[in-house]
Amino acid sequence: MSTHRSVRDGLPRLLCTSCYSDACLAEEAGHCVDFRQAFEHATDDELTGWLGSAL
């Protein structure tokens, strides 16, 4: 497990190796890491896009 600190919201998340990699790639592409981040810090369009990709 590794601590990932998001550049978007600054929150630390304890993630396994594959999730850490996914989170880094998501942020590099300008996407949200998780629902909380999308709900609290994203625009409406980003939130809608995150919800669409999570389904």
PDB file of N, CA and C in Angstrom:
ATOM      1  N   MET A   1       0.846  -1.172   0.000  1.00  0.00           N
ATOM      2  CA  MET A   1       0.000   0.000   0.000  1.00  0.00           C
ATOM      3  C   MET A   1       0.895   1.240   0.000  1.00  0.00           C
ATOM      4  N   SER A   2       0.439   2.234  -0.746  1.00  0.00           N
ATOM      5  CA  SER A   2       1.179   3.492  -0.848  1.00  0.00           C
ATOM      6  C   SER A   2       0.207   4.653  -0.691  1.00  0.00           C
ATOM      7  N   THR A   3       0.712   5.749  -0.168  1.00  0.00           N
ATOM      8  CA  THR A   3      -0.117   6.934  -0.002  1.00  0.00           C
ATOM      9  C   THR A   3      -0.044   7.783  -1.260  1.00  0.00           C
ATOM     10  N   HIS A   4      -1.183   8.022  -1.865  1.00  0.00           N
ATOM     11  CA  HIS A   4      -1.285   8.885  -3.043  1.00  0.00           C
ATOM     12  C   HIS A   4      -1.912  10.194  -2.591  1.00  0.00           C
ATOM     13  N   ARG A   5      -1.200  11.300  -2.784  1.00  0.00           N
ATOM     14  CA  ARG A   5      -1.748  12.612  -2.448  1.00  0.00           C
ATOM     15  C   ARG A   5      -2.142  13.301  -3.749  1.00  0.00           C
ATOM     16  N   SER A   6      -3.425  13.523  -3.891  1.00  0.00           N
ATOM     17  CA  SER A   6      -3.964  14.101  -5.110  1.00  0.00           C
ATOM     18  C   SER A   6      -3.524  15.548  -5.293  1.00  0.00           C
ATOM     19  N   VAL A   7      -3.167  15.897  -6.522  1.00  0.00           N
ATOM     20  CA  VAL A   7      -2.827  17.283  -6.828  1.00  0.00           C
ATOM     21  C   VAL A   7      -4.091  18.132  -6.947  1.00  0.00           C
ATOM     22  N   ARG A   8      -5.220  17.503  -7.182  1.00  0.00           N
ATOM     23  CA  ARG A   8      -6.469  18.243  -7.354  1.00  0.00           C
ATOM     24  C   ARG A   8      -7.068  18.686  -6.015  1.00  0.00           C
ATOM     25  N   ASP A   9      -7.147  17.785  -5.036  1.00  0.00           N
ATOM     26  CA  ASP A   9      -7.777  18.143  -3.765  1.00  0.00           C
ATOM     27  C   ASP A   9      -6.846  18.020  -2.563  1.00  0.00           C
ATOM     28  N   GLY A  10      -5.634  17.495  -2.758  1.00  0.00           N
ATOM     29  CA  GLY A  10      -4.660  17.390  -1.682  1.00  0.00           C
ATOM     30  C   GLY A  10      -4.932  16.302  -0.663  1.00  0.00           C
ATOM     31  N   LEU A  11      -5.985  15.508  -0.879  1.00  0.00           N
ATOM     32  CA  LEU A  11      -6.327  14.459   0.086  1.00  0.00           C
ATOM     33  C   LEU A  11      -5.445  13.239  -0.111  1.00  0.00           C
ATOM     34  N   PRO A  12      -4.939  12.678   0.990  1.00  0.00           N
ATOM     35  CA  PRO A  12      -4.164  11.443   0.871  1.00  0.00           C
ATOM     36  C   PRO A  12      -5.093  10.236   0.776  1.00  0.00           C
ATOM     37  N   ARG A  13      -4.737   9.290  -0.080  1.00  0.00           N
ATOM     38  CA  ARG A  13      -5.507   8.058  -0.218  1.00  0.00           C
ATOM     39  C   ARG A  13      -4.524   6.900  -0.122  1.00  0.00           C
ATOM     40  N   LEU A  14      -4.834   5.908   0.692  1.00  0.00           N
ATOM     41  CA  LEU A  14      -4.001   4.722   0.815  1.00  0.00           C
ATOM     42  C   LEU A  14      -4.455   3.736  -0.250  1.00  0.00           C
ATOM     43  N   LEU A  15      -3.595   3.490  -1.247  1.00  0.00           N
ATOM     44  CA  LEU A  15      -3.980   2.697  -2.407  1.00  0.00           C
ATOM     45  C   LEU A  15      -3.008   1.544  -2.634  1.00  0.00           C
ATOM     46  N   CYS A  16      -3.546   0.463  -3.187  1.00  0.00           N
ATOM     47  CA  CYS A  16      -2.679  -0.647  -3.604  1.00  0.00           C
ATOM     48  C   CYS A  16      -1.910  -0.207  -4.850  1.00  0.00           C
ATOM     49  N   THR A  17      -0.952  -1.000  -5.276  1.00  0.00           N
ATOM     50  CA  THR A  17      -0.080  -0.620  -6.383  1.00  0.00           C
ATOM     51  C   THR A  17      -0.847  -0.332  -7.672  1.00  0.00           C
ATOM     52  N   SER A  18      -1.771  -1.207  -8.040  1.00  0.00           N
ATOM     53  CA  SER A  18      -2.498  -0.983  -9.296  1.00  0.00           C
ATOM     54  C   SER A  18      -3.426   0.229  -9.200  1.00  0.00           C
ATOM     55  N   CYS A  19      -4.058   0.436  -8.066  1.00  0.00           N
ATOM     56  CA  CYS A  19      -4.932   1.601  -7.896  1.00  0.00           C
ATOM     57  C   CYS A  19      -4.119   2.895  -7.857  1.00  0.00           C
ATOM     58  N   TYR A  20      -2.930   2.832  -7.259  1.00  0.00           N
ATOM     59  CA  TYR A  20      -2.035   3.990  -7.225  1.00  0.00           C
ATOM     60  C   TYR A  20      -1.677   4.393  -8.659  1.00  0.00           C
ATOM     61  N   SER A  21      -1.342   3.407  -9.462  1.00  0.00           N
ATOM     62  CA  SER A  21      -1.001   3.663 -10.857  1.00  0.00           C
ATOM     63  C   SER A  21      -2.196   4.253 -11.600  1.00  0.00           C
ATOM     64  N   ASP A  22      -3.381   3.683 -11.404  1.00  0.00           N
ATOM     65  CA  ASP A  22      -4.603   4.189 -12.052  1.00  0.00           C
ATOM     66  C   ASP A  22      -4.879   5.632 -11.629  1.00  0.00           C
ATOM     67  N   ALA A  23      -4.683   5.948 -10.347  1.00  0.00           N
ATOM     68  CA  ALA A  23      -4.925   7.299  -9.844  1.00  0.00           C
ATOM     69  C   ALA A  23      -3.953   8.291 -10.479  1.00  0.00           C
ATOM     70  N   CYS A  24      -2.684   7.909 -10.579  1.00  0.00           N
ATOM     71  CA  CYS A  24      -1.682   8.785 -11.210  1.00  0.00           C
ATOM     72  C   CYS A  24      -2.023   9.031 -12.675  1.00  0.00           C
ATOM     73  N   LEU A  25      -2.381   7.979 -13.386  1.00  0.00           N
ATOM     74  CA  LEU A  25      -2.732   8.117 -14.801  1.00  0.00           C
ATOM     75  C   LEU A  25      -3.985   8.973 -14.988  1.00  0.00           C
ATOM     76  N   ALA A  26      -4.978   8.795 -14.110  1.00  0.00           N
ATOM     77  CA  ALA A  26      -6.204   9.590 -14.192  1.00  0.00           C
ATOM     78  C   ALA A  26      -5.896  11.071 -14.007  1.00  0.00           C
ATOM     79  N   GLU A  27      -5.077  11.393 -12.993  1.00  0.00           N
ATOM     80  CA  GLU A  27      -4.755  12.796 -12.751  1.00  0.00           C
ATOM     81  C   GLU A  27      -3.914  13.389 -13.876  1.00  0.00           C
ATOM     82  N   GLU A  28      -2.992  12.610 -14.439  1.00  0.00           N
ATOM     83  CA  GLU A  28      -2.185  13.103 -15.560  1.00  0.00           C
ATOM     84  C   GLU A  28      -3.064  13.432 -16.760  1.00  0.00           C
ATOM     85  N   ALA A  29      -4.151  12.683 -16.924  1.00  0.00           N
ATOM     86  CA  ALA A  29      -5.081  12.923 -18.030  1.00  0.00           C
ATOM     87  C   ALA A  29      -6.116  13.995 -17.687  1.00  0.00           C
ATOM     88  N   GLY A  30      -6.075  14.512 -16.444  1.00  0.00           N
ATOM     89  CA  GLY A  30      -7.010  15.560 -16.043  1.00  0.00           C
ATOM     90  C   GLY A  30      -8.330  15.055 -15.505  1.00  0.00           C
ATOM     91  N   HIS A  31      -8.393  13.766 -15.153  1.00  0.00           N
ATOM     92  CA  HIS A  31      -9.625  13.174 -14.644  1.00  0.00           C
ATOM     93  C   HIS A  31      -9.614  13.074 -13.119  1.00  0.00           C
ATOM     94  N   CYS A  32     -10.775  12.837 -12.552  1.00  0.00           N
ATOM     95  CA  CYS A  32     -10.909  12.659 -11.107  1.00  0.00           C
ATOM     96  C   CYS A  32     -10.485  11.246 -10.718  1.00  0.00           C
ATOM     97  N   VAL A  33     -10.031  11.120  -9.473  1.00  0.00           N
ATOM     98  CA  VAL A  33      -9.554   9.832  -8.969  1.00  0.00           C
ATOM     99  C   VAL A  33     -10.700   8.987  -8.420  1.00  0.00           C
ATOM    100  N   ASP A  34     -11.635   9.616  -7.693  1.00  0.00           N
ATOM    101  CA  ASP A  34     -12.729   8.871  -7.085  1.00  0.00           C
ATOM    102  C   ASP A  34     -13.997   9.726  -7.037  1.00  0.00           C
ATOM    103  N   PHE A  35     -15.090   9.121  -6.580  1.00  0.00           N
ATOM    104  CA  PHE A  35     -16.372   9.825  -6.549  1.00  0.00           C
ATOM    105  C   PHE A  35     -16.321  11.065  -5.662  1.00  0.00           C
ATOM    106  N   ARG A  36     -15.696  10.950  -4.495  1.00  0.00           N
ATOM    107  CA  ARG A  36     -15.644  12.091  -3.574  1.00  0.00           C
ATOM    108  C   ARG A  36     -14.971  13.278  -4.249  1.00  0.00           C
ATOM    109  N   GLN A  37     -13.870  13.026  -4.912  1.00  0.00           N
ATOM    110  CA  GLN A  37     -13.166  14.096  -5.594  1.00  0.00           C
ATOM    111  C   GLN A  37     -14.023  14.670  -6.720  1.00  0.00           C
ATOM    112  N   ALA A  38     -14.660  13.814  -7.484  1.00  0.00           N
ATOM    113  CA  ALA A  38     -15.521  14.282  -8.574  1.00  0.00           C
ATOM    114  C   ALA A  38     -16.699  15.086  -8.033  1.00  0.00           C
ATOM    115  N   PHE A  39     -17.296  14.641  -6.943  1.00  0.00           N
ATOM    116  CA  PHE A  39     -18.466  15.299  -6.377  1.00  0.00           C
ATOM    117  C   PHE A  39     -18.109  16.641  -5.760  1.00  0.00           C
ATOM    118  N   GLU A  40     -16.983  16.722  -5.039  1.00  0.00           N
ATOM    119  CA  GLU A  40     -16.647  17.932  -4.294  1.00  0.00           C
ATOM    120  C   GLU A  40     -15.798  18.939  -5.062  1.00  0.00           C
ATOM    121  N   HIS A  41     -15.005  18.488  -6.029  1.00  0.00           N
ATOM    122  CA  HIS A  41     -14.030  19.392  -6.635  1.00  0.00           C
ATOM    123  C   HIS A  41     -14.123  19.519  -8.149  1.00  0.00           C
ATOM    124  N   ALA A  42     -14.969  18.763  -8.797  1.00  0.00           N
ATOM    125  CA  ALA A  42     -15.036  18.794 -10.256  1.00  0.00           C
ATOM    126  C   ALA A  42     -16.170  19.689 -10.740  1.00  0.00           C
ATOM    127  N   THR A  43     -16.085  20.032 -11.998  1.00  0.00           N
ATOM    128  CA  THR A  43     -17.190  20.752 -12.625  1.00  0.00           C
ATOM    129  C   THR A  43     -18.344  19.768 -12.850  1.00  0.00           C
ATOM    130  N   ASP A  44     -19.495  20.280 -13.194  1.00  0.00           N
ATOM    131  CA  ASP A  44     -20.643  19.407 -13.470  1.00  0.00           C
ATOM    132  C   ASP A  44     -20.340  18.448 -14.618  1.00  0.00           C
ATOM    133  N   ASP A  45     -19.670  18.940 -15.650  1.00  0.00           N
ATOM    134  CA  ASP A  45     -19.337  18.089 -16.790  1.00  0.00           C
ATOM    135  C   ASP A  45     -18.351  16.991 -16.399  1.00  0.00           C
ATOM    136  N   GLU A  46     -17.365  17.318 -15.548  1.00  0.00           N
ATOM    137  CA  GLU A  46     -16.409  16.313 -15.093  1.00  0.00           C
ATOM    138  C   GLU A  46     -17.097  15.251 -14.247  1.00  0.00           C
ATOM    139  N   LEU A  47     -18.007  15.678 -13.376  1.00  0.00           N
ATOM    140  CA  LEU A  47     -18.751  14.744 -12.536  1.00  0.00           C
ATOM    141  C   LEU A  47     -19.602  13.818 -13.402  1.00  0.00           C
ATOM    142  N   THR A  48     -20.297  14.375 -14.371  1.00  0.00           N
ATOM    143  CA  THR A  48     -21.113  13.567 -15.282  1.00  0.00           C
ATOM    144  C   THR A  48     -20.243  12.573 -16.054  1.00  0.00           C
ATOM    145  N   GLY A  49     -19.094  13.028 -16.513  1.00  0.00           N
ATOM    146  CA  GLY A  49     -18.179  12.135 -17.230  1.00  0.00           C
ATOM    147  C   GLY A  49     -17.661  11.027 -16.336  1.00  0.00           C
ATOM    148  N   TRP A  50     -17.338  11.356 -15.067  1.00  0.00           N
ATOM    149  CA  TRP A  50     -16.845  10.334 -14.136  1.00  0.00           C
ATOM    150  C   TRP A  50     -17.937   9.309 -13.848  1.00  0.00           C
ATOM    151  N   LEU A  51     -19.157   9.778 -13.642  1.00  0.00           N
ATOM    152  CA  LEU A  51     -20.261   8.859 -13.378  1.00  0.00           C
ATOM    153  C   LEU A  51     -20.514   7.964 -14.577  1.00  0.00           C
ATOM    154  N   GLY A  52     -20.419   8.511 -15.786  1.00  0.00           N
ATOM    155  CA  GLY A  52     -20.619   7.714 -16.993  1.00  0.00           C
ATOM    156  C   GLY A  52     -19.552   6.658 -17.167  1.00  0.00           C
ATOM    157  N   SER A  53     -18.310   6.963 -16.799  1.00  0.00           N
ATOM    158  CA  SER A  53     -17.226   5.989 -16.959  1.00  0.00           C
ATOM    159  C   SER A  53     -17.251   4.949 -15.844  1.00  0.00           C
ATOM    160  N   ALA A  54     -17.875   5.260 -14.721  1.00  0.00           N
ATOM    161  CA  ALA A  54     -17.916   4.325 -13.589  1.00  0.00           C
ATOM    162  C   ALA A  54     -19.032   3.284 -13.748  1.00  0.00           C
ATOM    163  N   LEU A  55     -19.951   3.531 -14.673  1.00  0.00           N
ATOM    164  CA  LEU A  55     -21.082   2.596 -14.845  1.00  0.00           C
ATOM    165  C   LEU A  55     -20.759   1.463 -15.753  1.00  0.00           C
TER     166      LEU A  55
END
